[in-house]
Amino acid sequence: MNLSPTSLEKLRELINEETEYRSGPKLVQFFNRFGFNDSYGQGFPSRWMYTDQRLEAINGTPELDKCIRTVFNPANFIVRIPELDAHIASFNQFLTFDKWKVVRDGAEIAFRR
């Protein structure tokens, strides 16, 4: 899946703050799941810059799909499924212009054209 800069910006907001607040170390831990080998320390860029750089690097690769599935993993929203569905609906407004849609079917997250 290849996303537009606007959709990537919304995804950054979902990753950094909207689904949960992720500090710099948590962002490194999050993105290292997708093939990066980063460490948090002195001189680390701002959270939004780091996330933008990582999303640009995985845009158009299977790792982006994994990233989106991780952000919307229903297991992270136990007793908050309506909140998860609201995040997905909001993101889908952006994905419309990329001709994609995130679909939750129970505990599964899928993509549709």
PDB file of N, CA and C in Angstrom:
ATOM      1  N   MET A   1       0.847  -1.172   0.000  1.00  0.00           N
ATOM      2  CA  MET A   1       0.000   0.000   0.000  1.00  0.00           C
ATOM      3  C   MET A   1       0.900   1.244   0.000  1.00  0.00           C
ATOM      4  N   ASN A   2       0.554   2.176  -0.858  1.00  0.00           N
ATOM      5  CA  ASN A   2       1.309   3.422  -0.955  1.00  0.00           C
ATOM      6  C   ASN A   2       0.354   4.567  -0.598  1.00  0.00           C
ATOM      7  N   LEU A   3       0.687   5.329   0.441  1.00  0.00           N
ATOM      8  CA  LEU A   3      -0.206   6.381   0.922  1.00  0.00           C
ATOM      9  C   LEU A   3       0.316   7.767   0.572  1.00  0.00           C
ATOM     10  N   SER A   4      -0.608   8.688   0.425  1.00  0.00           N
ATOM     11  CA  SER A   4      -0.284  10.082   0.152  1.00  0.00           C
ATOM     12  C   SER A   4       0.315  10.729   1.401  1.00  0.00           C
ATOM     13  N   PRO A   5       1.013  11.850   1.222  1.00  0.00           N
ATOM     14  CA  PRO A   5       1.555  12.558   2.397  1.00  0.00           C
ATOM     15  C   PRO A   5       0.487  12.937   3.422  1.00  0.00           C
ATOM     16  N   THR A   6      -0.707  13.270   2.974  1.00  0.00           N
ATOM     17  CA  THR A   6      -1.784  13.642   3.903  1.00  0.00           C
ATOM     18  C   THR A   6      -2.214  12.443   4.744  1.00  0.00           C
ATOM     19  N   SER A   7      -2.331  11.287   4.113  1.00  0.00           N
ATOM     20  CA  SER A   7      -2.699  10.077   4.861  1.00  0.00           C
ATOM     21  C   SER A   7      -1.590   9.672   5.822  1.00  0.00           C
ATOM     22  N   LEU A   8      -0.342   9.830   5.385  1.00  0.00           N
ATOM     23  CA  LEU A   8       0.778   9.512   6.278  1.00  0.00           C
ATOM     24  C   LEU A   8       0.807  10.447   7.483  1.00  0.00           C
ATOM     25  N   GLU A   9       0.445  11.713   7.272  1.00  0.00           N
ATOM     26  CA  GLU A   9       0.401  12.666   8.388  1.00  0.00           C
ATOM     27  C   GLU A   9      -0.660  12.253   9.404  1.00  0.00           C
ATOM     28  N   LYS A  10      -1.824  11.827   8.918  1.00  0.00           N
ATOM     29  CA  LYS A  10      -2.872  11.349   9.824  1.00  0.00           C
ATOM     30  C   LYS A  10      -2.406  10.089  10.559  1.00  0.00           C
ATOM     31  N   LEU A  11      -1.729   9.194   9.843  1.00  0.00           N
ATOM     32  CA  LEU A  11      -1.223   7.982  10.485  1.00  0.00           C
ATOM     33  C   LEU A  11      -0.220   8.339  11.574  1.00  0.00           C
ATOM     34  N   ARG A  12       0.633   9.341  11.310  1.00  0.00           N
ATOM     35  CA  ARG A  12       1.579   9.798  12.332  1.00  0.00           C
ATOM     36  C   ARG A  12       0.831  10.241  13.586  1.00  0.00           C
ATOM     37  N   GLU A  13      -0.230  11.003  13.420  1.00  0.00           N
ATOM     38  CA  GLU A  13      -1.002  11.471  14.573  1.00  0.00           C
ATOM     39  C   GLU A  13      -1.618  10.304  15.333  1.00  0.00           C
ATOM     40  N   LEU A  14      -2.099   9.308  14.604  1.00  0.00           N
ATOM     41  CA  LEU A  14      -2.661   8.119  15.254  1.00  0.00           C
ATOM     42  C   LEU A  14      -1.590   7.374  16.047  1.00  0.00           C
ATOM     43  N   ILE A  15      -0.417   7.231  15.463  1.00  0.00           N
ATOM     44  CA  ILE A  15       0.676   6.501  16.118  1.00  0.00           C
ATOM     45  C   ILE A  15       1.187   7.267  17.332  1.00  0.00           C
ATOM     46  N   ASN A  16       1.445   8.552  17.154  1.00  0.00           N
ATOM     47  CA  ASN A  16       2.097   9.333  18.213  1.00  0.00           C
ATOM     48  C   ASN A  16       1.186   9.659  19.377  1.00  0.00           C
ATOM     49  N   GLU A  17      -0.081   9.910  19.120  1.00  0.00           N
ATOM     50  CA  GLU A  17      -0.921  10.451  20.187  1.00  0.00           C
ATOM     51  C   GLU A  17      -2.351   9.943  20.230  1.00  0.00           C
ATOM     52  N   GLU A  18      -2.988   9.786  19.092  1.00  0.00           N
ATOM     53  CA  GLU A  18      -4.434   9.585  19.121  1.00  0.00           C
ATOM     54  C   GLU A  18      -4.856   8.218  19.637  1.00  0.00           C
ATOM     55  N   THR A  19      -4.172   7.153  19.224  1.00  0.00           N
ATOM     56  CA  THR A  19      -4.547   5.830  19.730  1.00  0.00           C
ATOM     57  C   THR A  19      -3.947   5.578  21.105  1.00  0.00           C
ATOM     58  N   GLU A  20      -2.753   6.123  21.322  1.00  0.00           N
ATOM     59  CA  GLU A  20      -2.103   6.139  22.640  1.00  0.00           C
ATOM     60  C   GLU A  20      -0.918   7.091  22.539  1.00  0.00           C
ATOM     61  N   TYR A  21      -0.531   7.688  23.647  1.00  0.00           N
ATOM     62  CA  TYR A  21       0.635   8.560  23.626  1.00  0.00           C
ATOM     63  C   TYR A  21       1.881   7.687  23.639  1.00  0.00           C
ATOM     64  N   ARG A  22       2.734   7.878  22.635  1.00  0.00           N
ATOM     65  CA  ARG A  22       3.993   7.138  22.594  1.00  0.00           C
ATOM     66  C   ARG A  22       5.150   8.116  22.753  1.00  0.00           C
ATOM     67  N   SER A  23       5.937   7.920  23.787  1.00  0.00           N
ATOM     68  CA  SER A  23       7.142   8.717  24.019  1.00  0.00           C
ATOM     69  C   SER A  23       8.199   8.310  22.993  1.00  0.00           C
ATOM     70  N   GLY A  24       9.314   9.033  22.945  1.00  0.00           N
ATOM     71  CA  GLY A  24      10.396   8.687  22.032  1.00  0.00           C
ATOM     72  C   GLY A  24      10.826   7.233  22.143  1.00  0.00           C
ATOM     73  N   PRO A  25      11.127   6.734  23.353  1.00  0.00           N
ATOM     74  CA  PRO A  25      11.515   5.326  23.470  1.00  0.00           C
ATOM     75  C   PRO A  25      10.423   4.359  22.999  1.00  0.00           C
ATOM     76  N   LYS A  26       9.165   4.699  23.256  1.00  0.00           N
ATOM     77  CA  LYS A  26       8.056   3.837  22.815  1.00  0.00           C
ATOM     78  C   LYS A  26       7.929   3.845  21.293  1.00  0.00           C
ATOM     79  N   LEU A  27       8.207   5.002  20.662  1.00  0.00           N
ATOM     80  CA  LEU A  27       8.172   5.065  19.199  1.00  0.00           C
ATOM     81  C   LEU A  27       9.268   4.194  18.593  1.00  0.00           C
ATOM     82  N   VAL A  28      10.459   4.239  19.183  1.00  0.00           N
ATOM     83  CA  VAL A  28      11.555   3.392  18.703  1.00  0.00           C
ATOM     84  C   VAL A  28      11.158   1.929  18.819  1.00  0.00           C
ATOM     85  N   GLN A  29      10.611   1.557  19.955  1.00  0.00           N
ATOM     86  CA  GLN A  29      10.164   0.181  20.165  1.00  0.00           C
ATOM     87  C   GLN A  29       9.093  -0.193  19.139  1.00  0.00           C
ATOM     88  N   PHE A  30       8.157   0.720  18.879  1.00  0.00           N
ATOM     89  CA  PHE A  30       7.083   0.484  17.918  1.00  0.00           C
ATOM     90  C   PHE A  30       7.658   0.228  16.520  1.00  0.00           C
ATOM     91  N   PHE A  31       8.517   1.122  16.041  1.00  0.00           N
ATOM     92  CA  PHE A  31       9.016   1.008  14.672  1.00  0.00           C
ATOM     93  C   PHE A  31      10.065  -0.087  14.498  1.00  0.00           C
ATOM     94  N   ASN A  32      10.749  -0.483  15.544  1.00  0.00           N
ATOM     95  CA  ASN A  32      11.712  -1.571  15.417  1.00  0.00           C
ATOM     96  C   ASN A  32      11.028  -2.894  15.066  1.00  0.00           C
ATOM     97  N   ARG A  33       9.723  -2.980  15.265  1.00  0.00           N
ATOM     98  CA  ARG A  33       8.959  -4.174  14.863  1.00  0.00           C
ATOM     99  C   ARG A  33       8.906  -4.317  13.343  1.00  0.00           C
ATOM    100  N   PHE A  34       9.197  -3.214  12.642  1.00  0.00           N
ATOM    101  CA  PHE A  34       9.031  -3.200  11.189  1.00  0.00           C
ATOM    102  C   PHE A  34      10.363  -3.126  10.459  1.00  0.00           C
ATOM    103  N   GLY A  35      11.401  -3.681  11.078  1.00  0.00           N
ATOM    104  CA  GLY A  35      12.677  -3.835  10.408  1.00  0.00           C
ATOM    105  C   GLY A  35      13.731  -2.794  10.734  1.00  0.00           C
ATOM    106  N   PHE A  36      13.405  -1.826  11.569  1.00  0.00           N
ATOM    107  CA  PHE A  36      14.400  -0.831  11.945  1.00  0.00           C
ATOM    108  C   PHE A  36      15.203  -1.340  13.143  1.00  0.00           C
ATOM    109  N   ASN A  37      16.367  -0.770  13.339  1.00  0.00           N
ATOM    110  CA  ASN A  37      17.210  -1.149  14.469  1.00  0.00           C
ATOM    111  C   ASN A  37      17.684   0.131  15.157  1.00  0.00           C
ATOM    112  N   ASP A  38      16.725   0.960  15.564  1.00  0.00           N
ATOM    113  CA  ASP A  38      17.024   2.252  16.159  1.00  0.00           C
ATOM    114  C   ASP A  38      17.165   2.129  17.672  1.00  0.00           C
ATOM    115  N   SER A  39      17.827   3.112  18.245  1.00  0.00           N
ATOM    116  CA  SER A  39      17.880   3.223  19.699  1.00  0.00           C
ATOM    117  C   SER A  39      17.631   4.678  20.061  1.00  0.00           C
ATOM    118  N   TYR A  40      17.036   4.878  21.201  1.00  0.00           N
ATOM    119  CA  TYR A  40      16.700   6.219  21.650  1.00  0.00           C
ATOM    120  C   TYR A  40      17.860   6.769  22.466  1.00  0.00           C
ATOM    121  N   GLY A  41      18.218   8.022  22.203  1.00  0.00           N
ATOM    122  CA  GLY A  41      19.299   8.621  22.972  1.00  0.00           C
ATOM    123  C   GLY A  41      19.515  10.069  22.591  1.00  0.00           C
ATOM    124  N   GLN A  42      20.667  10.583  22.986  1.00  0.00           N
ATOM    125  CA  GLN A  42      21.044  11.971  22.721  1.00  0.00           C
ATOM    126  C   GLN A  42      20.925  12.284  21.228  1.00  0.00           C
ATOM    127  N   GLY A  43      20.369  13.440  20.907  1.00  0.00           N
ATOM    128  CA  GLY A  43      20.253  13.863  19.520  1.00  0.00           C
ATOM    129  C   GLY A  43      19.088  13.255  18.769  1.00  0.00           C
ATOM    130  N   PHE A  44      18.215  12.565  19.477  1.00  0.00           N
ATOM    131  CA  PHE A  44      17.048  11.962  18.836  1.00  0.00           C
ATOM    132  C   PHE A  44      16.150  13.073  18.293  1.00  0.00           C
ATOM    133  N   PRO A  45      15.625  12.930  17.068  1.00  0.00           N
ATOM    134  CA  PRO A  45      14.773  13.990  16.504  1.00  0.00           C
ATOM    135  C   PRO A  45      13.438  14.083  17.249  1.00  0.00           C
ATOM    136  N   SER A  46      12.666  15.091  16.902  1.00  0.00           N
ATOM    137  CA  SER A  46      11.337  15.218  17.521  1.00  0.00           C
ATOM    138  C   SER A  46      10.507  13.979  17.192  1.00  0.00           C
ATOM    139  N   ARG A  47       9.528  13.714  18.020  1.00  0.00           N
ATOM    140  CA  ARG A  47       8.683  12.540  17.821  1.00  0.00           C
ATOM    141  C   ARG A  47       8.015  12.566  16.461  1.00  0.00           C
ATOM    142  N   TRP A  48       7.477  13.740  16.064  1.00  0.00           N
ATOM    143  CA  TRP A  48       6.768  13.789  14.773  1.00  0.00           C
ATOM    144  C   TRP A  48       7.744  13.603  13.619  1.00  0.00           C
ATOM    145  N   MET A  49       8.947  14.159  13.711  1.00  0.00           N
ATOM    146  CA  MET A  49       9.926  14.009  12.636  1.00  0.00           C
ATOM    147  C   MET A  49      10.374  12.553  12.514  1.00  0.00           C
ATOM    148  N   TYR A  50      10.642  11.923  13.648  1.00  0.00           N
ATOM    149  CA  TYR A  50      11.048  10.519  13.636  1.00  0.00           C
ATOM    150  C   TYR A  50       9.966   9.654  12.996  1.00  0.00           C
ATOM    151  N   THR A  51       8.722   9.857  13.408  1.00  0.00           N
ATOM    152  CA  THR A  51       7.623   9.056  12.872  1.00  0.00           C
ATOM    153  C   THR A  51       7.450   9.311  11.380  1.00  0.00           C
ATOM    154  N   ASP A  52       7.518  10.570  10.957  1.00  0.00           N
ATOM    155  CA  ASP A  52       7.425  10.878   9.524  1.00  0.00           C
ATOM    156  C   ASP A  52       8.519  10.161   8.734  1.00  0.00           C
ATOM    157  N   GLN A  53       9.747  10.189   9.244  1.00  0.00           N
ATOM    158  CA  GLN A  53      10.864   9.533   8.547  1.00  0.00           C
ATOM    159  C   GLN A  53      10.638   8.029   8.427  1.00  0.00           C
ATOM    160  N   ARG A  54      10.166   7.424   9.488  1.00  0.00           N
ATOM    161  CA  ARG A  54       9.943   5.977   9.467  1.00  0.00           C
ATOM    162  C   ARG A  54       8.782   5.613   8.543  1.00  0.00           C
ATOM    163  N   LEU A  55       7.721   6.404   8.563  1.00  0.00           N
ATOM    164  CA  LEU A  55       6.581   6.121   7.689  1.00  0.00           C
ATOM    165  C   LEU A  55       6.967   6.298   6.220  1.00  0.00           C
ATOM    166  N   GLU A  56       7.750   7.308   5.922  1.00  0.00           N
ATOM    167  CA  GLU A  56       8.235   7.488   4.541  1.00  0.00           C
ATOM    168  C   GLU A  56       9.052   6.282   4.096  1.00  0.00           C
ATOM    169  N   ALA A  57       9.866   5.756   4.994  1.00  0.00           N
ATOM    170  CA  ALA A  57      10.742   4.629   4.662  1.00  0.00           C
ATOM    171  C   ALA A  57       9.947   3.353   4.375  1.00  0.00           C
ATOM    172  N   ILE A  58       8.814   3.155   5.051  1.00  0.00           N
ATOM    173  CA  ILE A  58       8.046   1.916   4.845  1.00  0.00           C
ATOM    174  C   ILE A  58       6.850   2.113   3.917  1.00  0.00           C
ATOM    175  N   ASN A  59       6.576   3.333   3.491  1.00  0.00           N
ATOM    176  CA  ASN A  59       5.458   3.579   2.588  1.00  0.00           C
ATOM    177  C   ASN A  59       5.662   2.771   1.306  1.00  0.00           C
ATOM    178  N   GLY A  60       4.614   2.068   0.897  1.00  0.00           N
ATOM    179  CA  GLY A  60       4.688   1.260  -0.311  1.00  0.00           C
ATOM    180  C   GLY A  60       5.266  -0.124  -0.103  1.00  0.00           C
ATOM    181  N   THR A  61       5.535  -0.503   1.151  1.00  0.00           N
ATOM    182  CA  THR A  61       6.073  -1.833   1.453  1.00  0.00           C
ATOM    183  C   THR A  61       5.074  -2.595   2.322  1.00  0.00           C
ATOM    184  N   PRO A  62       5.222  -3.909   2.418  1.00  0.00           N
ATOM    185  CA  PRO A  62       4.356  -4.687   3.314  1.00  0.00           C
ATOM    186  C   PRO A  62       4.472  -4.250   4.781  1.00  0.00           C
ATOM    187  N   GLU A  63       5.588  -3.619   5.137  1.00  0.00           N
ATOM    188  CA  GLU A  63       5.758  -3.159   6.518  1.00  0.00           C
ATOM    189  C   GLU A  63       4.741  -2.077   6.878  1.00  0.00           C
ATOM    190  N   LEU A  64       4.312  -1.273   5.899  1.00  0.00           N
ATOM    191  CA  LEU A  64       3.296  -0.259   6.182  1.00  0.00           C
ATOM    192  C   LEU A  64       1.982  -0.933   6.559  1.00  0.00           C
ATOM    193  N   ASP A  65       1.618  -1.988   5.859  1.00  0.00           N
ATOM    194  CA  ASP A  65       0.403  -2.734   6.198  1.00  0.00           C
ATOM    195  C   ASP A  65       0.490  -3.267   7.631  1.00  0.00           C
ATOM    196  N   LYS A  66       1.648  -3.831   7.977  1.00  0.00           N
ATOM    197  CA  LYS A  66       1.850  -4.340   9.338  1.00  0.00           C
ATOM    198  C   LYS A  66       1.740  -3.219  10.359  1.00  0.00           C
ATOM    199  N   CYS A  67       2.290  -2.069  10.029  1.00  0.00           N
ATOM    200  CA  CYS A  67       2.240  -0.906  10.924  1.00  0.00           C
ATOM    201  C   CYS A  67       0.791  -0.507  11.195  1.00  0.00           C
ATOM    202  N   ILE A  68      -0.003  -0.408  10.147  1.00  0.00           N
ATOM    203  CA  ILE A  68      -1.407   0.000  10.304  1.00  0.00           C
ATOM    204  C   ILE A  68      -2.164  -1.050  11.107  1.00  0.00           C
ATOM    205  N   ARG A  69      -1.907  -2.316  10.835  1.00  0.00           N
ATOM    206  CA  ARG A  69      -2.572  -3.378  11.610  1.00  0.00           C
ATOM    207  C   ARG A  69      -2.186  -3.305  13.090  1.00  0.00           C
ATOM    208  N   THR A  70      -0.945  -2.944  13.361  1.00  0.00           N
ATOM    209  CA  THR A  70      -0.497  -2.821  14.752  1.00  0.00           C
ATOM    210  C   THR A  70      -1.184  -1.646  15.438  1.00  0.00           C
ATOM    211  N   VAL A  71      -1.289  -0.514  14.752  1.00  0.00           N
ATOM    212  CA  VAL A  71      -1.948   0.665  15.328  1.00  0.00           C
ATOM    213  C   VAL A  71      -3.402   0.348  15.688  1.00  0.00           C
ATOM    214  N   PHE A  72      -4.074  -0.395  14.820  1.00  0.00           N
ATOM    215  CA  PHE A  72      -5.498  -0.688  15.012  1.00  0.00           C
ATOM    216  C   PHE A  72      -5.752  -2.075  15.599  1.00  0.00           C
ATOM    217  N   ASN A  73      -4.758  -2.685  16.199  1.00  0.00           N
ATOM    218  CA  ASN A  73      -4.918  -4.022  16.768  1.00  0.00           C
ATOM    219  C   ASN A  73      -6.017  -4.013  17.836  1.00  0.00           C
ATOM    220  N   PRO A  74      -7.114  -4.744  17.597  1.00  0.00           N
ATOM    221  CA  PRO A  74      -8.209  -4.745  18.574  1.00  0.00           C
ATOM    222  C   PRO A  74      -7.796  -5.185  19.971  1.00  0.00           C
ATOM    223  N   ALA A  75      -6.758  -5.972  20.091  1.00  0.00           N
ATOM    224  CA  ALA A  75      -6.292  -6.405  21.412  1.00  0.00           C
ATOM    225  C   ALA A  75      -5.836  -5.225  22.258  1.00  0.00           C
ATOM    226  N   ASN A  76      -5.448  -4.122  21.609  1.00  0.00           N
ATOM    227  CA  ASN A  76      -5.040  -2.921  22.340  1.00  0.00           C
ATOM    228  C   ASN A  76      -6.224  -2.037  22.726  1.00  0.00           C
ATOM    229  N   PHE A  77      -7.419  -2.441  22.332  1.00  0.00           N
ATOM    230  CA  PHE A  77      -8.605  -1.628  22.583  1.00  0.00           C
ATOM    231  C   PHE A  77      -9.687  -2.414  23.327  1.00  0.00           C
ATOM    232  N   ILE A  78      -9.262  -3.397  24.101  1.00  0.00           N
ATOM    233  CA  ILE A  78     -10.225  -4.189  24.871  1.00  0.00           C
ATOM    234  C   ILE A  78     -11.034  -3.231  25.740  1.00  0.00           C
ATOM    235  N   VAL A  79     -12.320  -3.391  25.736  1.00  0.00           N
ATOM    236  CA  VAL A  79     -13.335  -2.536  26.382  1.00  0.00           C
ATOM    237  C   VAL A  79     -13.372  -1.122  25.792  1.00  0.00           C
ATOM    238  N   ARG A  80     -12.677  -0.894  24.669  1.00  0.00           N
ATOM    239  CA  ARG A  80     -12.706   0.409  24.001  1.00  0.00           C
ATOM    240  C   ARG A  80     -12.932   0.241  22.493  1.00  0.00           C
ATOM    241  N   ILE A  81     -13.655  -0.803  22.112  1.00  0.00           N
ATOM    242  CA  ILE A  81     -13.870  -1.087  20.684  1.00  0.00           C
ATOM    243  C   ILE A  81     -14.568   0.080  19.972  1.00  0.00           C
ATOM    244  N   PRO A  82     -15.545   0.753  20.579  1.00  0.00           N
ATOM    245  CA  PRO A  82     -16.128   1.913  19.887  1.00  0.00           C
ATOM    246  C   PRO A  82     -15.086   2.997  19.581  1.00  0.00           C
ATOM    247  N   GLU A  83     -14.111   3.176  20.467  1.00  0.00           N
ATOM    248  CA  GLU A  83     -13.029   4.132  20.225  1.00  0.00           C
ATOM    249  C   GLU A  83     -12.178   3.682  19.035  1.00  0.00           C
ATOM    250  N   LEU A  84     -11.863   2.390  18.976  1.00  0.00           N
ATOM    251  CA  LEU A  84     -11.115   1.839  17.846  1.00  0.00           C
ATOM    252  C   LEU A  84     -11.860   2.089  16.544  1.00  0.00           C
ATOM    253  N   ASP A  85     -13.148   1.782  16.527  1.00  0.00           N
ATOM    254  CA  ASP A  85     -13.934   1.971  15.308  1.00  0.00           C
ATOM    255  C   ASP A  85     -13.977   3.441  14.891  1.00  0.00           C
ATOM    256  N   ALA A  86     -13.990   4.348  15.848  1.00  0.00           N
ATOM    257  CA  ALA A  86     -13.967   5.780  15.534  1.00  0.00           C
ATOM    258  C   ALA A  86     -12.627   6.173  14.913  1.00  0.00           C
ATOM    259  N   HIS A  87     -11.526   5.624  15.424  1.00  0.00           N
ATOM    260  CA  HIS A  87     -10.201   5.903  14.841  1.00  0.00           C
ATOM    261  C   HIS A  87     -10.125   5.372  13.406  1.00  0.00           C
ATOM    262  N   ILE A  88     -10.641   4.180  13.195  1.00  0.00           N
ATOM    263  CA  ILE A  88     -10.632   3.593  11.846  1.00  0.00           C
ATOM    264  C   ILE A  88     -11.470   4.444  10.897  1.00  0.00           C
ATOM    265  N   ALA A  89     -12.655   4.855  11.334  1.00  0.00           N
ATOM    266  CA  ALA A  89     -13.521   5.683  10.488  1.00  0.00           C
ATOM    267  C   ALA A  89     -12.848   7.004  10.137  1.00  0.00           C
ATOM    268  N   SER A  90     -12.182   7.601  11.096  1.00  0.00           N
ATOM    269  CA  SER A  90     -11.480   8.854  10.849  1.00  0.00           C
ATOM    270  C   SER A  90     -10.347   8.655   9.835  1.00  0.00           C
ATOM    271  N   PHE A  91      -9.558   7.603  10.007  1.00  0.00           N
ATOM    272  CA  PHE A  91      -8.457   7.321   9.087  1.00  0.00           C
ATOM    273  C   PHE A  91      -8.976   7.016   7.683  1.00  0.00           C
ATOM    274  N   ASN A  92     -10.097   6.321   7.608  1.00  0.00           N
ATOM    275  CA  ASN A  92     -10.671   5.971   6.304  1.00  0.00           C
ATOM    276  C   ASN A  92     -11.073   7.203   5.500  1.00  0.00           C
ATOM    277  N   GLN A  93     -11.405   8.299   6.169  1.00  0.00           N
ATOM    278  CA  GLN A  93     -11.718   9.531   5.445  1.00  0.00           C
ATOM    279  C   GLN A  93     -10.501   9.991   4.648  1.00  0.00           C
ATOM    280  N   PHE A  94      -9.312   9.790   5.169  1.00  0.00           N
ATOM    281  CA  PHE A  94      -8.081  10.150   4.473  1.00  0.00           C
ATOM    282  C   PHE A  94      -7.748   9.117   3.393  1.00  0.00           C
ATOM    283  N   LEU A  95      -7.935   7.836   3.738  1.00  0.00           N
ATOM    284  CA  LEU A  95      -7.593   6.761   2.800  1.00  0.00           C
ATOM    285  C   LEU A  95      -8.467   6.754   1.555  1.00  0.00           C
ATOM    286  N   THR A  96      -9.638   7.347   1.630  1.00  0.00           N
ATOM    287  CA  THR A  96     -10.520   7.417   0.472  1.00  0.00           C
ATOM    288  C   THR A  96      -9.785   7.973  -0.741  1.00  0.00           C
ATOM    289  N   PHE A  97      -8.936   8.967  -0.524  1.00  0.00           N
ATOM    290  CA  PHE A  97      -8.219   9.605  -1.626  1.00  0.00           C
ATOM    291  C   PHE A  97      -7.062   8.740  -2.136  1.00  0.00           C
ATOM    292  N   ASP A  98      -6.663   7.744  -1.355  1.00  0.00           N
ATOM    293  CA  ASP A  98      -5.654   6.775  -1.786  1.00  0.00           C
ATOM    294  C   ASP A  98      -6.311   5.517  -2.348  1.00  0.00           C
ATOM    295  N   LYS A  99      -7.647   5.527  -2.339  1.00  0.00           N
ATOM    296  CA  LYS A  99      -8.454   4.404  -2.827  1.00  0.00           C
ATOM    297  C   LYS A  99      -8.255   3.133  -1.997  1.00  0.00           C
ATOM    298  N   TRP A 100      -8.145   3.321  -0.678  1.00  0.00           N
ATOM    299  CA  TRP A 100      -8.035   2.218   0.271  1.00  0.00           C
ATOM    300  C   TRP A 100      -9.030   2.416   1.401  1.00  0.00           C
ATOM    301  N   LYS A 101      -9.261   1.334   2.123  1.00  0.00           N
ATOM    302  CA  LYS A 101     -10.140   1.381   3.293  1.00  0.00           C
ATOM    303  C   LYS A 101      -9.666   0.336   4.285  1.00  0.00           C
ATOM    304  N   VAL A 102      -9.614   0.715   5.567  1.00  0.00           N
ATOM    305  CA  VAL A 102      -9.323  -0.234   6.643  1.00  0.00           C
ATOM    306  C   VAL A 102     -10.659  -0.804   7.101  1.00  0.00           C
ATOM    307  N   VAL A 103     -10.700  -2.120   7.237  1.00  0.00           N
ATOM    308  CA  VAL A 103     -11.925  -2.795   7.654  1.00  0.00           C
ATOM    309  C   VAL A 103     -11.606  -3.677   8.857  1.00  0.00           C
ATOM    310  N   ARG A 104     -12.400  -3.527   9.912  1.00  0.00           N
ATOM    311  CA  ARG A 104     -12.261  -4.414  11.076  1.00  0.00           C
ATOM    312  C   ARG A 104     -13.374  -5.440  11.032  1.00  0.00           C
ATOM    313  N   ASP A 105     -13.003  -6.716  11.068  1.00  0.00           N
ATOM    314  CA  ASP A 105     -13.961  -7.817  11.129  1.00  0.00           C
ATOM    315  C   ASP A 105     -13.632  -8.592  12.392  1.00  0.00           C
ATOM    316  N   GLY A 106     -14.321  -8.240  13.465  1.00  0.00           N
ATOM    317  CA  GLY A 106     -14.005  -8.854  14.755  1.00  0.00           C
ATOM    318  C   GLY A 106     -12.615  -8.441  15.203  1.00  0.00           C
ATOM    319  N   ALA A 107     -11.735  -9.438  15.340  1.00  0.00           N
ATOM    320  CA  ALA A 107     -10.362  -9.170  15.790  1.00  0.00           C
ATOM    321  C   ALA A 107      -9.393  -9.014  14.627  1.00  0.00           C
ATOM    322  N   GLU A 108      -9.900  -9.032  13.398  1.00  0.00           N
ATOM    323  CA  GLU A 108      -9.043  -8.949  12.223  1.00  0.00           C
ATOM    324  C   GLU A 108      -9.120  -7.560  11.587  1.00  0.00           C
ATOM    325  N   ILE A 109      -7.962  -7.058  11.167  1.00  0.00           N
ATOM    326  CA  ILE A 109      -7.870  -5.797  10.442  1.00  0.00           C
ATOM    327  C   ILE A 109      -7.443  -6.133   9.023  1.00  0.00           C
ATOM    328  N   ALA A 110      -8.227  -5.655   8.046  1.00  0.00           N
ATOM    329  CA  ALA A 110      -7.933  -5.927   6.636  1.00  0.00           C
ATOM    330  C   ALA A 110      -8.013  -4.620   5.851  1.00  0.00           C
ATOM    331  N   PHE A 111      -7.594  -4.710   4.600  1.00  0.00           N
ATOM    332  CA  PHE A 111      -7.621  -3.550   3.703  1.00  0.00           C
ATOM    333  C   PHE A 111      -8.437  -3.909   2.466  1.00  0.00           C
ATOM    334  N   ARG A 112      -9.197  -2.928   2.004  1.00  0.00           N
ATOM    335  CA  ARG A 112      -9.982  -3.112   0.787  1.00  0.00           C
ATOM    336  C   ARG A 112      -9.751  -1.945  -0.138  1.00  0.00           C
ATOM    337  N   ARG A 113      -9.839  -2.198  -1.401  1.00  0.00           N
ATOM    338  CA  ARG A 113      -9.772  -1.150  -2.413  1.00  0.00           C
ATOM    339  C   ARG A 113     -11.125  -0.510  -2.546  1.00  0.00           C
TER     340      ARG A 113
END
